[in-house]
Amino acid sequence: MEPLDSWYQEEREFIQPSEFLLDPTGKVLYSSYSDGPIGRMDPNETYSLVQYLNELKAKA
């Protein structure tokens, strides 16, 4: 929890979602910290983002 700077909810005793999109070297490209049922990374949208980033990289 601490290395990710995630939020711990003491009342329910769990770490709230902390999601990251990393490049092949481990660099954080995007991150999402949620404290409720919305705001999480959608798998299909994340896949589309990865495809888009790969297209940009191929054009460079």
Protein backbone atom coordinates (compact mmCIF):
# COMPACT_ATOMS: atom_id res chain seq x y z
CA MET A 1 0.00 0.00 0.00
CA GLU A 2 2.64 2.55 0.97
CA PRO A 3 4.95 2.10 -2.05
CA LEU A 4 1.95 2.69 -4.35
CA ASP A 5 0.64 5.56 -2.20
CA SER A 6 -2.70 3.76 -2.10
CA TRP A 7 -5.53 4.67 0.23
CA TYR A 8 -6.39 2.22 3.01
CA GLN A 9 -9.98 2.28 4.21
CA GLU A 10 -9.81 1.42 7.89
CA GLU A 11 -13.57 0.91 8.38
CA ARG A 12 -13.67 -1.88 5.79
CA GLU A 13 -10.02 -2.93 6.25
CA PHE A 14 -8.90 -2.98 2.64
CA ILE A 15 -6.81 -1.04 0.14
CA GLN A 16 -8.79 0.91 -2.42
CA PRO A 17 -7.99 0.09 -6.07
CA SER A 18 -4.73 1.49 -7.45
CA GLU A 19 -4.23 0.70 -11.13
CA PHE A 20 -1.31 1.43 -13.40
CA LEU A 21 -0.46 1.20 -17.09
CA LEU A 22 3.29 0.64 -17.48
CA ASP A 23 5.53 0.72 -20.51
CA PRO A 24 7.95 -2.19 -21.15
CA THR A 25 10.62 -0.51 -19.01
CA GLY A 26 8.29 -0.17 -16.01
CA LYS A 27 7.64 3.56 -16.43
CA VAL A 28 4.14 4.56 -15.29
CA LEU A 29 2.19 5.93 -18.27
CA TYR A 30 -1.20 6.25 -16.58
CA SER A 31 -2.54 5.64 -13.11
CA SER A 32 -5.93 5.48 -11.42
CA TYR A 33 -6.69 5.65 -7.72
CA SER A 34 -10.31 4.91 -6.76
CA ASP A 35 -12.20 5.28 -3.52
CA GLY A 36 -15.52 3.93 -4.66
CA PRO A 37 -17.24 1.71 -7.22
CA ILE A 38 -16.52 4.03 -10.19
CA GLY A 39 -13.30 5.31 -11.73
CA ARG A 40 -11.59 2.01 -12.35
CA MET A 41 -9.73 1.24 -15.57
CA ASP A 42 -12.02 -0.59 -18.01
CA PRO A 43 -10.20 -3.49 -19.74
CA ASN A 44 -11.55 -2.69 -23.22
CA GLU A 45 -10.77 1.02 -22.92
CA THR A 46 -7.30 0.23 -21.58
CA TYR A 47 -6.67 -2.12 -24.50
CA SER A 48 -7.77 0.62 -26.93
CA LEU A 49 -5.40 3.05 -25.22
CA VAL A 50 -2.50 0.60 -25.55
CA GLN A 51 -3.26 0.11 -29.24
CA TYR A 52 -3.35 3.89 -29.74
CA LEU A 53 -0.05 4.40 -27.92
CA ASN A 54 1.54 1.65 -30.02
CA GLU A 55 0.31 3.34 -33.21
CA LEU A 56 1.81 6.65 -32.10
CA LYS A 57 5.09 4.94 -31.32
CA ALA A 58 5.14 3.23 -34.74
CA LYS A 59 4.68 6.61 -36.50
CA ALA A 60 7.52 8.23 -34.58
